């Protein structure tokens, strides 16, 4: 029952965590923030863990672990609800657009006003008044709305605090009361379920990304953008409400579970005679078990904390393992956090499709690999060294296969003035002034707007004004701009709303990318369970809970928090066109340099893995020395124990013989007295 409850708790925390990552682009656009700031929000979950994990892992192991886990699940649920709160506080989402949304609309300014200077100035004033009315509420209320992302950050911190006891206390509880041969399989099951959670998290993210953010509050006929548009924001808040309810349900079973369980199998003292109980306590079969001390006071535990932590950090194998996992988790967390965004930007897929593919194709491969790794460890009966070699081998193979991702490239989108000049020559532009050309020189256009239109020539223009369009017909998504001077030389060419979807080479490359992603994910995840069991077995049993907790503390502090931030900051450097906030300032990125994005994203991921492999060499040497030292100590201990037992038997025989002799002497004296 504990295994089922813990698996469900792992499922819910993984679901909400993966849903957070699936809403990255939605949150960027909704709050108009860059990627590095989204990294801060994503890393705030680890900050919550950092605040309490060391103390929860140490003190919680000596208290009622199931109830502490239950309280953590309740906190996770509250934090998830707080993340969704800004949607119900801020106003409706407004995006830049120059199209009409009603047939009988009287406001139909020309995309490119032409005429005399006075008329031009008057027309520009009308457009500015309209734009001010639409995008700048009185007092620039939008500025306070944008600060609402603070609630998302605080809610994620509370989620991190609530998640703290689930992993260290849950895994140590299983390892304490499960038989040795089943512990690895049980841990593998829990880890597998935790990987199944993101499947539903990304699927939920895919579903919510298809739904408009203000669904139920606006007339959908007025929405002139599609989910494939860079301005689209899905119903990100809806998934957090669903995840919060599920997380709250996961807390219920833990309130009814006992503090400790009888040890299963032939190892339990209940199945032994009283004479054998004392020997079983010191049996090597139970050397990794650490029963809970029911009578230890809080003050005694606090006094023992620092010496225990010093003993743990004095283990060189544990330190090397810690460094390797920190570096590899930097690579893994940064890669996973921005992988849906990479699929969106590099292969020009919608956020809904990117999340769907992550959930249906990539995550199941990871789950299968985690479960297969635990099963192989049980079948092959791998020891500590065997588990370390297995985990290292799978990581190296996955690394070599990941190098092929560099060859899977897509061309940049054809955007006039951004990725190519108006004369169609190849080139990348980072200058806003390059948006202006002779074909739109008669128009007064803003270079900061992002209202793309697709010309008949297959090239995207940043706005109808910059395309030189002088008139429009239709409304909403069916709007057609005509007389676009930049689209054709004659000036009688048209353009439609939205960005052009010229992605023939991407469509051919995308299936190969997905296939290679599945294979590498499966191979790397094969070493997940053996590597985790290596962490449990390389330290003393008394330090097990603290080792798990400190490992989680270090990885969250040095990997979970900084990785999304510096990955996002590096990705921001590849942005070609930034959006503009409603009250001024840089907002979310609209289009990236595809080639630079690929090199930065993949190069940083694989460079971190390379560094981790170099640290594995001294790790193997130290692990081998530790195992040899433990073998020698075990042999000496067995010999010493055998000599002690032999001496005890001799003393017992001597006492028994003396007792028999005294008994015989007493019997002879009694017999003589009787005769007398």
Foldseek 3Di string as FASTA:
>chain_A
DLLVLLLLLLLLLLLLLLLLLLQQLLLQLQLQAFQLVSLQLQLLLLVLLLVPQLVCLQVVLQDQLLLLLLQLLLLLLVLLLLLLVLLVVDDDDDADAQFFLDPPDPDRQWLFDFDDPVVQVVSVVVVVVVLCVRLADVVRVSVVSSVSCVSSSVSSSSNSNSCNSSPLSSLLQLVQAEAPLCSLLSVLSSVLSSLLSSLNSLLVSLVQLQAACCPPNDDPSSAQDGLLASNTRGVSSVSSNVSSVSSNVSSPVSVPDGSHDARDDPLGPVVDDPVCSVVSVVDPSCQLHDDHDNPDDPVNSVVCSVVLVVVVVVQVLLVLLLVLVLLLLLLVVLCSSCVLVLCCFFLVDGSSVSSNLCSPQQSNLLSVLSSLLSVCCSVVVDDLLRLLVLLLVLLVVLLVLLVCLLVLGFAFAAEDQAQAHLVPDGDGDQDLVSLADPQLPSGDDDSQHAWWWAWPVRHIYRGQSSQQFGRWDDGRQAIKTAQRCSRDVVSGTIIGTDHGDPRPSSVVRVVVVSVSSSVSSSSNSNSVSSSVVSQSPSDGSVCRSSSVSVSSSSSSVSRSSCSSNVSSVQQVVQARHFHARSVGDTGYGRHGRNSSNSCSSSVSSSVSNVVSSVSVVVSSVSSVVVVVVVVVVVVVVVVVVVVVVVVVVVVVVVVVVVVVVVVVVVVVVVVVVVVD
